[in-house]
PDB file of all heavy atoms in Angstrom:
ATOM      1  N   ARG A   1       6.658   7.153   4.212  1.00  0.00           N
ATOM      2  CA  ARG A   1       7.233   5.863   4.589  1.00  0.00           C
ATOM      3  C   ARG A   1       8.036   5.982   5.863  1.00  0.00           C
ATOM      4  O   ARG A   1       8.648   7.017   6.143  1.00  0.00           O
ATOM      5  CB  ARG A   1       8.149   5.324   3.480  1.00  0.00           C
ATOM      6  CG  ARG A   1       7.450   4.873   2.242  1.00  0.00           C
ATOM      7  CD  ARG A   1       8.426   4.398   1.181  1.00  0.00           C
ATOM      8  NE  ARG A   1       9.222   3.241   1.610  1.00  0.00           N
ATOM      9  CZ  ARG A   1       9.829   2.396   0.792  1.00  0.00           C
ATOM     10  NH1 ARG A   1       9.718   2.568  -0.523  1.00  0.00           N
ATOM     11  NH2 ARG A   1      10.543   1.395   1.269  1.00  0.00           N
ATOM     12  N   ASP A   2       8.039   4.902   6.607  1.00  0.00           N
ATOM     13  CA  ASP A   2       8.962   4.702   7.712  1.00  0.00           C
ATOM     14  C   ASP A   2       9.831   3.521   7.306  1.00  0.00           C
ATOM     15  O   ASP A   2       9.441   2.366   7.458  1.00  0.00           O
ATOM     16  CB  ASP A   2       8.208   4.426   9.012  1.00  0.00           C
ATOM     17  CG  ASP A   2       9.137   4.243  10.194  1.00  0.00           C
ATOM     18  OD1 ASP A   2      10.351   4.074  10.006  1.00  0.00           O
ATOM     19  OD2 ASP A   2       8.630   4.269  11.338  1.00  0.00           O
ATOM     20  N   ASN A   3      10.999   3.810   6.757  1.00  0.00           N
ATOM     21  CA  ASN A   3      11.841   2.746   6.219  1.00  0.00           C
ATOM     22  C   ASN A   3      12.341   1.794   7.306  1.00  0.00           C
ATOM     23  O   ASN A   3      12.555   0.612   7.046  1.00  0.00           O
ATOM     24  CB  ASN A   3      13.027   3.342   5.454  1.00  0.00           C
ATOM     25  CG  ASN A   3      12.614   3.978   4.149  1.00  0.00           C
ATOM     26  OD1 ASN A   3      11.608   3.615   3.546  1.00  0.00           O
ATOM     27  ND2 ASN A   3      13.398   4.949   3.690  1.00  0.00           N
ATOM     28  N   ALA A   4      12.537   2.299   8.511  1.00  0.00           N
ATOM     29  CA  ALA A   4      12.991   1.447   9.601  1.00  0.00           C
ATOM     30  C   ALA A   4      11.963   0.371   9.933  1.00  0.00           C
ATOM     31  O   ALA A   4      12.326  -0.717  10.390  1.00  0.00           O
ATOM     32  CB  ALA A   4      13.305   2.281  10.836  1.00  0.00           C
ATOM     33  N   GLN A   5      10.693   0.674   9.724  1.00  0.00           N
ATOM     34  CA  GLN A   5       9.625  -0.274  10.002  1.00  0.00           C
ATOM     35  C   GLN A   5       9.061  -0.910   8.736  1.00  0.00           C
ATOM     36  O   GLN A   5       8.106  -1.684   8.819  1.00  0.00           O
ATOM     37  CB  GLN A   5       8.498   0.409  10.778  1.00  0.00           C
ATOM     38  CG  GLN A   5       8.918   0.950  12.136  1.00  0.00           C
ATOM     39  CD  GLN A   5       9.295  -0.159  13.092  1.00  0.00           C
ATOM     40  OE1 GLN A   5       8.678  -1.221  13.112  1.00  0.00           O
ATOM     41  NE2 GLN A   5      10.333   0.079  13.886  1.00  0.00           N
ATOM     42  N   ASN A   6       9.637  -0.574   7.579  1.00  0.00           N
ATOM     43  CA  ASN A   6       9.145  -1.075   6.296  1.00  0.00           C
ATOM     44  C   ASN A   6       7.644  -0.852   6.162  1.00  0.00           C
ATOM     45  O   ASN A   6       6.898  -1.756   5.764  1.00  0.00           O
ATOM     46  CB  ASN A   6       9.502  -2.551   6.120  1.00  0.00           C
ATOM     47  CG  ASN A   6      10.990  -2.777   6.013  1.00  0.00           C
ATOM     48  OD1 ASN A   6      11.673  -2.091   5.242  1.00  0.00           O
ATOM     49  ND2 ASN A   6      11.514  -3.737   6.761  1.00  0.00           N
ATOM     50  N   THR A   7       7.233   0.347   6.478  1.00  0.00           N
ATOM     51  CA  THR A   7       5.824   0.693   6.501  1.00  0.00           C
ATOM     52  C   THR A   7       5.556   1.885   5.590  1.00  0.00           C
ATOM     53  O   THR A   7       6.332   2.841   5.565  1.00  0.00           O
ATOM     54  CB  THR A   7       5.372   1.021   7.932  1.00  0.00           C
ATOM     55  OG1 THR A   7       5.594  -0.116   8.775  1.00  0.00           O
ATOM     56  CG2 THR A   7       3.892   1.387   7.969  1.00  0.00           C
ATOM     57  N   VAL A   8       4.459   1.820   4.862  1.00  0.00           N
ATOM     58  CA  VAL A   8       4.027   2.918   4.017  1.00  0.00           C
ATOM     59  C   VAL A   8       2.662   3.386   4.496  1.00  0.00           C
ATOM     60  O   VAL A   8       1.832   2.585   4.938  1.00  0.00           O
ATOM     61  CB  VAL A   8       3.995   2.513   2.522  1.00  0.00           C
ATOM     62  CG1 VAL A   8       2.963   1.418   2.268  1.00  0.00           C
ATOM     63  CG2 VAL A   8       3.731   3.732   1.641  1.00  0.00           C
ATOM     64  N   TYR A   9       2.446   4.697   4.428  1.00  0.00           N
ATOM     65  CA  TYR A   9       1.200   5.305   4.864  1.00  0.00           C
ATOM     66  C   TYR A   9       0.561   6.071   3.711  1.00  0.00           C
ATOM     67  O   TYR A   9       1.246   6.556   2.811  1.00  0.00           O
ATOM     68  CB  TYR A   9       1.438   6.278   6.018  1.00  0.00           C
ATOM     69  CG  TYR A   9       2.164   5.678   7.197  1.00  0.00           C
ATOM     70  CD1 TYR A   9       3.547   5.768   7.297  1.00  0.00           C
ATOM     71  CD2 TYR A   9       1.469   5.027   8.204  1.00  0.00           C
ATOM     72  CE1 TYR A   9       4.219   5.217   8.376  1.00  0.00           C
ATOM     73  CE2 TYR A   9       2.130   4.475   9.284  1.00  0.00           C
ATOM     74  CZ  TYR A   9       3.505   4.572   9.365  1.00  0.00           C
ATOM     75  OH  TYR A   9       4.166   4.026  10.435  1.00  0.00           O
ATOM     76  N   LEU A  10      -0.737   6.189   3.770  1.00  0.00           N
ATOM     77  CA  LEU A  10      -1.466   7.037   2.840  1.00  0.00           C
ATOM     78  C   LEU A  10      -2.433   7.896   3.645  1.00  0.00           C
ATOM     79  O   LEU A  10      -3.419   7.386   4.189  1.00  0.00           O
ATOM     80  CB  LEU A  10      -2.224   6.213   1.798  1.00  0.00           C
ATOM     81  CG  LEU A  10      -2.904   7.027   0.696  1.00  0.00           C
ATOM     82  CD1 LEU A  10      -1.855   7.696  -0.201  1.00  0.00           C
ATOM     83  CD2 LEU A  10      -3.829   6.149  -0.142  1.00  0.00           C
ATOM     84  N   GLU A  11      -2.127   9.180   3.732  1.00  0.00           N
ATOM     85  CA  GLU A  11      -3.007  10.143   4.378  1.00  0.00           C
ATOM     86  C   GLU A  11      -3.975  10.668   3.331  1.00  0.00           C
ATOM     87  O   GLU A  11      -3.551  11.257   2.338  1.00  0.00           O
ATOM     88  CB  GLU A  11      -2.199  11.280   4.991  1.00  0.00           C
ATOM     89  CG  GLU A  11      -3.021  12.363   5.660  1.00  0.00           C
ATOM     90  CD  GLU A  11      -3.621  11.913   6.971  1.00  0.00           C
ATOM     91  OE1 GLU A  11      -3.026  11.045   7.636  1.00  0.00           O
ATOM     92  OE2 GLU A  11      -4.686  12.443   7.349  1.00  0.00           O
ATOM     93  N   MET A  12      -5.250  10.446   3.547  1.00  0.00           N
ATOM     94  CA  MET A  12      -6.280  10.823   2.593  1.00  0.00           C
ATOM     95  C   MET A  12      -7.147  11.908   3.213  1.00  0.00           C
ATOM     96  O   MET A  12      -7.814  11.673   4.224  1.00  0.00           O
ATOM     97  CB  MET A  12      -7.123   9.614   2.191  1.00  0.00           C
ATOM     98  CG  MET A  12      -6.308   8.458   1.621  1.00  0.00           C
ATOM     99  SD  MET A  12      -7.337   7.093   1.032  1.00  0.00           S
ATOM    100  CE  MET A  12      -8.040   6.538   2.582  1.00  0.00           C
ATOM    101  N   ASN A  13      -7.138  13.073   2.603  1.00  0.00           N
ATOM    102  CA  ASN A  13      -7.915  14.215   3.067  1.00  0.00           C
ATOM    103  C   ASN A  13      -8.917  14.631   2.003  1.00  0.00           C
ATOM    104  O   ASN A  13      -8.784  14.283   0.829  1.00  0.00           O
ATOM    105  CB  ASN A  13      -6.997  15.389   3.409  1.00  0.00           C
ATOM    106  CG  ASN A  13      -6.006  15.071   4.502  1.00  0.00           C
ATOM    107  OD1 ASN A  13      -6.365  14.532   5.540  1.00  0.00           O
ATOM    108  ND2 ASN A  13      -4.741  15.421   4.272  1.00  0.00           N
ATOM    109  N   SER A  14      -9.907  15.408   2.416  1.00  0.00           N
ATOM    110  CA  SER A  14     -10.943  15.902   1.501  1.00  0.00           C
ATOM    111  C   SER A  14     -11.519  14.771   0.665  1.00  0.00           C
ATOM    112  O   SER A  14     -11.662  14.881  -0.556  1.00  0.00           O
ATOM    113  CB  SER A  14     -10.371  17.003   0.603  1.00  0.00           C
ATOM    114  OG  SER A  14      -9.872  18.085   1.368  1.00  0.00           O
ATOM    115  N   LEU A  15     -11.869  13.695   1.323  1.00  0.00           N
ATOM    116  CA  LEU A  15     -12.341  12.511   0.617  1.00  0.00           C
ATOM    117  C   LEU A  15     -13.664  12.766  -0.091  1.00  0.00           C
ATOM    118  O   LEU A  15     -14.515  13.504   0.407  1.00  0.00           O
ATOM    119  CB  LEU A  15     -12.473  11.342   1.580  1.00  0.00           C
ATOM    120  CG  LEU A  15     -11.144  10.674   1.943  1.00  0.00           C
ATOM    121  CD1 LEU A  15     -11.283   9.841   3.207  1.00  0.00           C
ATOM    122  CD2 LEU A  15     -10.655   9.811   0.787  1.00  0.00           C
ATOM    123  N   ARG A  16     -13.799  12.135  -1.238  1.00  0.00           N
ATOM    124  CA  ARG A  16     -14.982  12.257  -2.082  1.00  0.00           C
ATOM    125  C   ARG A  16     -15.611  10.892  -2.279  1.00  0.00           C
ATOM    126  O   ARG A  16     -14.927   9.875  -2.182  1.00  0.00           O
ATOM    127  CB  ARG A  16     -14.593  12.832  -3.448  1.00  0.00           C
ATOM    128  CG  ARG A  16     -13.828  14.142  -3.398  1.00  0.00           C
ATOM    129  CD  ARG A  16     -13.167  14.431  -4.729  1.00  0.00           C
ATOM    130  NE  ARG A  16     -12.424  15.680  -4.709  1.00  0.00           N
ATOM    131  CZ  ARG A  16     -11.592  16.063  -5.667  1.00  0.00           C
ATOM    132  NH1 ARG A  16     -11.392  15.300  -6.735  1.00  0.00           N
ATOM    133  NH2 ARG A  16     -10.956  17.230  -5.560  1.00  0.00           N
ATOM    134  N   PRO A  17     -16.910  10.838  -2.575  1.00  0.00           N
ATOM    135  CA  PRO A  17     -17.536   9.535  -2.836  1.00  0.00           C
ATOM    136  C   PRO A  17     -16.835   8.736  -3.927  1.00  0.00           C
ATOM    137  O   PRO A  17     -16.794   7.498  -3.842  1.00  0.00           O
ATOM    138  CB  PRO A  17     -18.964   9.912  -3.241  1.00  0.00           C
ATOM    139  CG  PRO A  17     -19.220  11.187  -2.506  1.00  0.00           C
ATOM    140  CD  PRO A  17     -17.911  11.926  -2.530  1.00  0.00           C
ATOM    141  N   GLU A  18     -16.281   9.396  -4.923  1.00  0.00           N
ATOM    142  CA  GLU A  18     -15.585   8.685  -5.985  1.00  0.00           C
ATOM    143  C   GLU A  18     -14.271   8.060  -5.529  1.00  0.00           C
ATOM    144  O   GLU A  18     -13.650   7.310  -6.285  1.00  0.00           O
ATOM    145  CB  GLU A  18     -15.341   9.598  -7.197  1.00  0.00           C
ATOM    146  CG  GLU A  18     -14.659  10.914  -6.860  1.00  0.00           C
ATOM    147  CD  GLU A  18     -15.637  12.062  -6.698  1.00  0.00           C
ATOM    148  OE1 GLU A  18     -16.699  11.866  -6.085  1.00  0.00           O
ATOM    149  OE2 GLU A  18     -15.339  13.175  -7.199  1.00  0.00           O
ATOM    150  N   ASP A  19     -13.819   8.369  -4.322  1.00  0.00           N
ATOM    151  CA  ASP A  19     -12.658   7.694  -3.751  1.00  0.00           C
ATOM    152  C   ASP A  19     -13.014   6.323  -3.185  1.00  0.00           C
ATOM    153  O   ASP A  19     -12.110   5.575  -2.789  1.00  0.00           O
ATOM    154  CB  ASP A  19     -12.028   8.541  -2.646  1.00  0.00           C
ATOM    155  CG  ASP A  19     -11.440   9.838  -3.163  1.00  0.00           C
ATOM    156  OD1 ASP A  19     -10.786   9.822  -4.230  1.00  0.00           O
ATOM    157  OD2 ASP A  19     -11.615  10.873  -2.493  1.00  0.00           O
ATOM    158  N   THR A  20     -14.283   6.000  -3.115  1.00  0.00           N
ATOM    159  CA  THR A  20     -14.712   4.712  -2.587  1.00  0.00           C
ATOM    160  C   THR A  20     -14.147   3.573  -3.427  1.00  0.00           C
ATOM    161  O   THR A  20     -14.336   3.535  -4.640  1.00  0.00           O
ATOM    162  CB  THR A  20     -16.238   4.632  -2.555  1.00  0.00           C
ATOM    163  OG1 THR A  20     -16.752   5.602  -1.640  1.00  0.00           O
ATOM    164  CG2 THR A  20     -16.699   3.250  -2.117  1.00  0.00           C
ATOM    165  N   ALA A  21     -13.441   2.657  -2.783  1.00  0.00           N
ATOM    166  CA  ALA A  21     -12.799   1.545  -3.472  1.00  0.00           C
ATOM    167  C   ALA A  21     -12.147   0.639  -2.446  1.00  0.00           C
ATOM    168  O   ALA A  21     -12.054   0.984  -1.262  1.00  0.00           O
ATOM    169  CB  ALA A  21     -11.741   2.050  -4.460  1.00  0.00           C
ATOM    170  N   VAL A  22     -11.694  -0.511  -2.910  1.00  0.00           N
ATOM    171  CA  VAL A  22     -10.792  -1.328  -2.128  1.00  0.00           C
ATOM    172  C   VAL A  22      -9.378  -0.843  -2.416  1.00  0.00           C
ATOM    173  O   VAL A  22      -8.972  -0.760  -3.577  1.00  0.00           O
ATOM    174  CB  VAL A  22     -10.921  -2.821  -2.454  1.00  0.00           C
ATOM    175  CG1 VAL A  22      -9.914  -3.639  -1.652  1.00  0.00           C
ATOM    176  CG2 VAL A  22     -12.341  -3.303  -2.170  1.00  0.00           C
ATOM    177  N   TYR A  23      -8.646  -0.517  -1.376  1.00  0.00           N
ATOM    178  CA  TYR A  23      -7.286  -0.011  -1.507  1.00  0.00           C
ATOM    179  C   TYR A  23      -6.303  -1.124  -1.192  1.00  0.00           C
ATOM    180  O   TYR A  23      -6.396  -1.780  -0.151  1.00  0.00           O
ATOM    181  CB  TYR A  23      -7.067   1.184  -0.575  1.00  0.00           C
ATOM    182  CG  TYR A  23      -7.696   2.452  -1.079  1.00  0.00           C
ATOM    183  CD1 TYR A  23      -9.078   2.602  -1.103  1.00  0.00           C
ATOM    184  CD2 TYR A  23      -6.911   3.505  -1.556  1.00  0.00           C
ATOM    185  CE1 TYR A  23      -9.668   3.756  -1.587  1.00  0.00           C
ATOM    186  CE2 TYR A  23      -7.491   4.661  -2.038  1.00  0.00           C
ATOM    187  CZ  TYR A  23      -8.869   4.788  -2.054  1.00  0.00           C
ATOM    188  OH  TYR A  23      -9.450   5.938  -2.534  1.00  0.00           O
ATOM    189  N   TYR A  24      -5.349  -1.332  -2.095  1.00  0.00           N
ATOM    190  CA  TYR A  24      -4.381  -2.408  -1.988  1.00  0.00           C
ATOM    191  C   TYR A  24      -2.972  -1.852  -1.823  1.00  0.00           C
ATOM    192  O   TYR A  24      -2.549  -0.986  -2.585  1.00  0.00           O
ATOM    193  CB  TYR A  24      -4.398  -3.296  -3.234  1.00  0.00           C
ATOM    194  CG  TYR A  24      -5.686  -4.039  -3.460  1.00  0.00           C
ATOM    195  CD1 TYR A  24      -6.702  -3.489  -4.231  1.00  0.00           C
ATOM    196  CD2 TYR A  24      -5.883  -5.300  -2.911  1.00  0.00           C
ATOM    197  CE1 TYR A  24      -7.885  -4.173  -4.446  1.00  0.00           C
ATOM    198  CE2 TYR A  24      -7.060  -5.996  -3.129  1.00  0.00           C
ATOM    199  CZ  TYR A  24      -8.058  -5.421  -3.899  1.00  0.00           C
ATOM    200  OH  TYR A  24      -9.228  -6.111  -4.113  1.00  0.00           O
ATOM    201  N   CYS A  25      -2.259  -2.379  -0.861  1.00  0.00           N
ATOM    202  CA  CYS A  25      -0.848  -2.079  -0.712  1.00  0.00           C
ATOM    203  C   CYS A  25      -0.038  -2.939  -1.671  1.00  0.00           C
ATOM    204  O   CYS A  25      -0.378  -4.101  -1.921  1.00  0.00           O
ATOM    205  CB  CYS A  25      -0.424  -2.343   0.733  1.00  0.00           C
ATOM    206  SG  CYS A  25       1.308  -1.979   1.098  1.00  0.00           S
ATOM    207  N   ASN A  26       1.023  -2.377  -2.211  1.00  0.00           N
ATOM    208  CA  ASN A  26       1.895  -3.092  -3.132  1.00  0.00           C
ATOM    209  C   ASN A  26       3.343  -2.748  -2.812  1.00  0.00           C
ATOM    210  O   ASN A  26       3.650  -1.605  -2.469  1.00  0.00           O
ATOM    211  CB  ASN A  26       1.562  -2.709  -4.576  1.00  0.00           C
ATOM    212  CG  ASN A  26       2.416  -3.431  -5.588  1.00  0.00           C
ATOM    213  OD1 ASN A  26       3.430  -2.900  -6.047  1.00  0.00           O
ATOM    214  ND2 ASN A  26       2.013  -4.638  -5.945  1.00  0.00           N
ATOM    215  N   ALA A  27       4.225  -3.737  -2.925  1.00  0.00           N
ATOM    216  CA  ALA A  27       5.629  -3.510  -2.600  1.00  0.00           C
ATOM    217  C   ALA A  27       6.542  -4.316  -3.505  1.00  0.00           C
ATOM    218  O   ALA A  27       6.257  -5.477  -3.823  1.00  0.00           O
ATOM    219  CB  ALA A  27       5.905  -3.865  -1.141  1.00  0.00           C
ATOM    220  N   ASP A  28       7.635  -3.691  -3.904  1.00  0.00           N
ATOM    221  CA  ASP A  28       8.718  -4.359  -4.607  1.00  0.00           C
ATOM    222  C   ASP A  28       9.790  -4.701  -3.588  1.00  0.00           C
ATOM    223  O   ASP A  28      10.341  -3.809  -2.937  1.00  0.00           O
ATOM    224  CB  ASP A  28       9.308  -3.473  -5.702  1.00  0.00           C
ATOM    225  CG  ASP A  28       8.368  -3.263  -6.862  1.00  0.00           C
ATOM    226  OD1 ASP A  28       7.562  -4.163  -7.149  1.00  0.00           O
ATOM    227  OD2 ASP A  28       8.443  -2.186  -7.492  1.00  0.00           O
ATOM    228  N   VAL A  29      10.082  -5.991  -3.457  1.00  0.00           N
ATOM    229  CA  VAL A  29      10.987  -6.506  -2.436  1.00  0.00           C
ATOM    230  C   VAL A  29      12.120  -7.251  -3.118  1.00  0.00           C
ATOM    231  O   VAL A  29      11.893  -7.963  -4.097  1.00  0.00           O
ATOM    232  CB  VAL A  29      10.239  -7.442  -1.462  1.00  0.00           C
ATOM    233  CG1 VAL A  29      11.196  -8.056  -0.449  1.00  0.00           C
ATOM    234  CG2 VAL A  29       9.130  -6.684  -0.754  1.00  0.00           C
ATOM    235  N   VAL A  30      13.327  -7.092  -2.604  1.00  0.00           N
ATOM    236  CA  VAL A  30      14.482  -7.798  -3.148  1.00  0.00           C
ATOM    237  C   VAL A  30      15.194  -8.565  -2.045  1.00  0.00           C
ATOM    238  O   VAL A  30      15.267  -8.127  -0.895  1.00  0.00           O
ATOM    239  CB  VAL A  30      15.473  -6.849  -3.850  1.00  0.00           C
ATOM    240  CG1 VAL A  30      14.819  -6.179  -5.049  1.00  0.00           C
ATOM    241  CG2 VAL A  30      16.002  -5.794  -2.894  1.00  0.00           C
ATOM    242  N   ASP A  31      15.736  -9.735  -2.411  1.00  0.00           N
ATOM    243  CA  ASP A  31      16.689 -10.433  -1.557  1.00  0.00           C
ATOM    244  C   ASP A  31      18.042 -10.394  -2.254  1.00  0.00           C
ATOM    245  O   ASP A  31      18.281  -9.539  -3.103  1.00  0.00           O
ATOM    246  CB  ASP A  31      16.220 -11.857  -1.224  1.00  0.00           C
ATOM    247  CG  ASP A  31      16.018 -12.740  -2.446  1.00  0.00           C
ATOM    248  OD1 ASP A  31      16.617 -12.470  -3.512  1.00  0.00           O
ATOM    249  OD2 ASP A  31      15.248 -13.719  -2.340  1.00  0.00           O
ATOM    250  N   SER A  32      18.943 -11.300  -1.928  1.00  0.00           N
ATOM    251  CA  SER A  32      20.290 -11.251  -2.490  1.00  0.00           C
ATOM    252  C   SER A  32      20.329 -11.633  -3.961  1.00  0.00           C
ATOM    253  O   SER A  32      21.317 -11.339  -4.647  1.00  0.00           O
ATOM    254  CB  SER A  32      21.227 -12.154  -1.689  1.00  0.00           C
ATOM    255  OG  SER A  32      20.790 -13.505  -1.723  1.00  0.00           O
ATOM    256  N   ILE A  33      19.267 -12.286  -4.462  1.00  0.00           N
ATOM    257  CA  ILE A  33      19.264 -12.796  -5.823  1.00  0.00           C
ATOM    258  C   ILE A  33      18.134 -12.235  -6.669  1.00  0.00           C
ATOM    259  O   ILE A  33      18.341 -11.836  -7.826  1.00  0.00           O
ATOM    260  CB  ILE A  33      19.182 -14.337  -5.833  1.00  0.00           C
ATOM    261  CG1 ILE A  33      20.337 -14.942  -5.028  1.00  0.00           C
ATOM    262  CG2 ILE A  33      19.198 -14.863  -7.264  1.00  0.00           C
ATOM    263  CD1 ILE A  33      21.706 -14.645  -5.606  1.00  0.00           C
ATOM    264  N   HIS A  34      16.924 -12.190  -6.100  1.00  0.00           N
ATOM    265  CA  HIS A  34      15.724 -11.926  -6.880  1.00  0.00           C
ATOM    266  C   HIS A  34      14.998 -10.666  -6.432  1.00  0.00           C
ATOM    267  O   HIS A  34      15.187 -10.179  -5.310  1.00  0.00           O
ATOM    268  CB  HIS A  34      14.754 -13.104  -6.768  1.00  0.00           C
ATOM    269  CG  HIS A  34      15.312 -14.406  -7.232  1.00  0.00           C
ATOM    270  ND1 HIS A  34      15.549 -14.681  -8.554  1.00  0.00           N
ATOM    271  CD2 HIS A  34      15.680 -15.511  -6.544  1.00  0.00           C
ATOM    272  CE1 HIS A  34      16.042 -15.906  -8.672  1.00  0.00           C
ATOM    273  NE2 HIS A  34      16.123 -16.423  -7.468  1.00  0.00           N
ATOM    274  N   GLY A  35      14.152 -10.192  -7.318  1.00  0.00           N
ATOM    275  CA  GLY A  35      13.186  -9.175  -6.996  1.00  0.00           C
ATOM    276  C   GLY A  35      11.788  -9.753  -7.054  1.00  0.00           C
ATOM    277  O   GLY A  35      11.498 -10.614  -7.883  1.00  0.00           O
ATOM    278  N   TYR A  36      10.920  -9.291  -6.179  1.00  0.00           N
ATOM    279  CA  TYR A  36       9.567  -9.805  -6.077  1.00  0.00           C
ATOM    280  C   TYR A  36       8.591  -8.654  -5.931  1.00  0.00           C
ATOM    281  O   TYR A  36       8.941  -7.574  -5.448  1.00  0.00           O
ATOM    282  CB  TYR A  36       9.403 -10.736  -4.871  1.00  0.00           C
ATOM    283  CG  TYR A  36      10.409 -11.853  -4.791  1.00  0.00           C
ATOM    284  CD1 TYR A  36      11.612 -11.677  -4.124  1.00  0.00           C
ATOM    285  CD2 TYR A  36      10.144 -13.083  -5.378  1.00  0.00           C
ATOM    286  CE1 TYR A  36      12.539 -12.704  -4.037  1.00  0.00           C
ATOM    287  CE2 TYR A  36      11.068 -14.112  -5.297  1.00  0.00           C
ATOM    288  CZ  TYR A  36      12.260 -13.920  -4.624  1.00  0.00           C
ATOM    289  OH  TYR A  36      13.171 -14.945  -4.542  1.00  0.00           O
ATOM    290  N   ASN A  37       7.360  -8.909  -6.328  1.00  0.00           N
ATOM    291  CA  ASN A  37       6.278  -7.957  -6.132  1.00  0.00           C
ATOM    292  C   ASN A  37       5.171  -8.613  -5.328  1.00  0.00           C
ATOM    293  O   ASN A  37       4.760  -9.733  -5.630  1.00  0.00           O
ATOM    294  CB  ASN A  37       5.742  -7.463  -7.471  1.00  0.00           C
ATOM    295  CG  ASN A  37       4.689  -6.391  -7.309  1.00  0.00           C
ATOM    296  OD1 ASN A  37       3.499  -6.661  -7.371  1.00  0.00           O
ATOM    297  ND2 ASN A  37       5.141  -5.157  -7.085  1.00  0.00           N
ATOM    298  N   TYR A  38       4.677  -7.908  -4.310  1.00  0.00           N
ATOM    299  CA  TYR A  38       3.660  -8.447  -3.416  1.00  0.00           C
ATOM    300  C   TYR A  38       2.481  -7.501  -3.306  1.00  0.00           C
ATOM    301  O   TYR A  38       2.627  -6.276  -3.426  1.00  0.00           O
ATOM    302  CB  TYR A  38       4.236  -8.681  -2.018  1.00  0.00           C
ATOM    303  CG  TYR A  38       5.241  -9.802  -1.943  1.00  0.00           C
ATOM    304  CD1 TYR A  38       6.597  -9.548  -2.105  1.00  0.00           C
ATOM    305  CD2 TYR A  38       4.835 -11.113  -1.725  1.00  0.00           C
ATOM    306  CE1 TYR A  38       7.528 -10.564  -2.043  1.00  0.00           C
ATOM    307  CE2 TYR A  38       5.764 -12.139  -1.659  1.00  0.00           C
ATOM    308  CZ  TYR A  38       7.105 -11.858  -1.819  1.00  0.00           C
ATOM    309  OH  TYR A  38       8.027 -12.879  -1.755  1.00  0.00           O
ATOM    310  N   TRP A  39       1.338  -8.102  -3.029  1.00  0.00           N
ATOM    311  CA  TRP A  39       0.096  -7.361  -2.798  1.00  0.00           C
ATOM    312  C   TRP A  39      -0.449  -7.658  -1.414  1.00  0.00           C
ATOM    313  O   TRP A  39      -0.366  -8.786  -0.919  1.00  0.00           O
ATOM    314  CB  TRP A  39      -0.977  -7.752  -3.816  1.00  0.00           C
ATOM    315  CG  TRP A  39      -0.702  -7.297  -5.213  1.00  0.00           C
ATOM    316  CD1 TRP A  39      -0.100  -8.004  -6.205  1.00  0.00           C
ATOM    317  CD2 TRP A  39      -1.040  -6.029  -5.772  1.00  0.00           C
ATOM    318  NE1 TRP A  39      -0.043  -7.255  -7.355  1.00  0.00           N
ATOM    319  CE2 TRP A  39      -0.614  -6.030  -7.117  1.00  0.00           C
ATOM    320  CE3 TRP A  39      -1.667  -4.886  -5.273  1.00  0.00           C
ATOM    321  CZ2 TRP A  39      -0.793  -4.948  -7.964  1.00  0.00           C
ATOM    322  CZ3 TRP A  39      -1.844  -3.797  -6.121  1.00  0.00           C
ATOM    323  CH2 TRP A  39      -1.410  -3.839  -7.448  1.00  0.00           C
ATOM    324  N   GLY A  40      -1.010  -6.645  -0.794  1.00  0.00           N
ATOM    325  CA  GLY A  40      -1.767  -6.847   0.423  1.00  0.00           C
ATOM    326  C   GLY A  40      -3.153  -7.382   0.118  1.00  0.00           C
ATOM    327  O   GLY A  40      -3.550  -7.547  -1.042  1.00  0.00           O
ATOM    328  N   GLN A  41      -3.904  -7.661   1.162  1.00  0.00           N
ATOM    329  CA  GLN A  41      -5.225  -8.260   0.997  1.00  0.00           C
ATOM    330  C   GLN A  41      -6.296  -7.252   0.603  1.00  0.00           C
ATOM    331  O   GLN A  41      -7.377  -7.649   0.162  1.00  0.00           O
ATOM    332  CB  GLN A  41      -5.637  -8.965   2.294  1.00  0.00           C
ATOM    333  CG  GLN A  41      -6.140  -8.048   3.408  1.00  0.00           C
ATOM    334  CD  GLN A  41      -5.047  -7.292   4.130  1.00  0.00           C
ATOM    335  OE1 GLN A  41      -3.855  -7.467   3.884  1.00  0.00           O
ATOM    336  NE2 GLN A  41      -5.445  -6.421   5.053  1.00  0.00           N
ATOM    337  N   GLY A  42      -6.010  -5.993   0.750  1.00  0.00           N
ATOM    338  CA  GLY A  42      -6.960  -4.940   0.439  1.00  0.00           C
ATOM    339  C   GLY A  42      -7.734  -4.484   1.657  1.00  0.00           C
ATOM    340  O   GLY A  42      -8.045  -5.274   2.546  1.00  0.00           O
ATOM    341  N   THR A  43      -8.046  -3.201   1.693  1.00  0.00           N
ATOM    342  CA  THR A  43      -8.852  -2.642   2.763  1.00  0.00           C
ATOM    343  C   THR A  43      -9.893  -1.714   2.151  1.00  0.00           C
ATOM    344  O   THR A  43      -9.591  -0.911   1.263  1.00  0.00           O
ATOM    345  CB  THR A  43      -7.981  -1.909   3.805  1.00  0.00           C
ATOM    346  OG1 THR A  43      -8.789  -1.438   4.878  1.00  0.00           O
ATOM    347  CG2 THR A  43      -7.229  -0.730   3.188  1.00  0.00           C
ATOM    348  N   GLN A  44     -11.128  -1.845   2.607  1.00  0.00           N
ATOM    349  CA  GLN A  44     -12.239  -1.094   2.027  1.00  0.00           C
ATOM    350  C   GLN A  44     -12.268   0.331   2.559  1.00  0.00           C
ATOM    351  O   GLN A  44     -12.216   0.560   3.767  1.00  0.00           O
ATOM    352  CB  GLN A  44     -13.566  -1.790   2.335  1.00  0.00           C
ATOM    353  CG  GLN A  44     -14.797  -1.052   1.816  1.00  0.00           C
ATOM    354  CD  GLN A  44     -14.913  -1.086   0.314  1.00  0.00           C
ATOM    355  OE1 GLN A  44     -14.751  -2.141  -0.305  1.00  0.00           O
ATOM    356  NE2 GLN A  44     -15.178   0.068  -0.289  1.00  0.00           N
ATOM    357  N   VAL A  45     -12.371   1.276   1.644  1.00  0.00           N
ATOM    358  CA  VAL A  45     -12.593   2.679   1.976  1.00  0.00           C
ATOM    359  C   VAL A  45     -13.919   3.089   1.360  1.00  0.00           C
ATOM    360  O   VAL A  45     -14.093   2.995   0.145  1.00  0.00           O
ATOM    361  CB  VAL A  45     -11.467   3.582   1.466  1.00  0.00           C
ATOM    362  CG1 VAL A  45     -11.822   5.055   1.656  1.00  0.00           C
ATOM    363  CG2 VAL A  45     -10.166   3.254   2.181  1.00  0.00           C
ATOM    364  N   THR A  46     -14.841   3.534   2.190  1.00  0.00           N
ATOM    365  CA  THR A  46     -16.143   3.963   1.719  1.00  0.00           C
ATOM    366  C   THR A  46     -16.381   5.403   2.153  1.00  0.00           C
ATOM    367  O   THR A  46     -16.294   5.719   3.341  1.00  0.00           O
ATOM    368  CB  THR A  46     -17.257   3.067   2.273  1.00  0.00           C
ATOM    369  OG1 THR A  46     -17.025   1.708   1.879  1.00  0.00           O
ATOM    370  CG2 THR A  46     -18.618   3.511   1.744  1.00  0.00           C
TER     371      THR A  46
END
């Protein structure tokens, strides 16, 4: 993670065919009152 940029990375090495999938980012976000969970749109890894 780069917390200053609110960015998360996934370095994937030695990839296998069984890793093929749509990969979704997910984040737990809070404001002054509530907590929320969000999903990204997904990115295809083949």
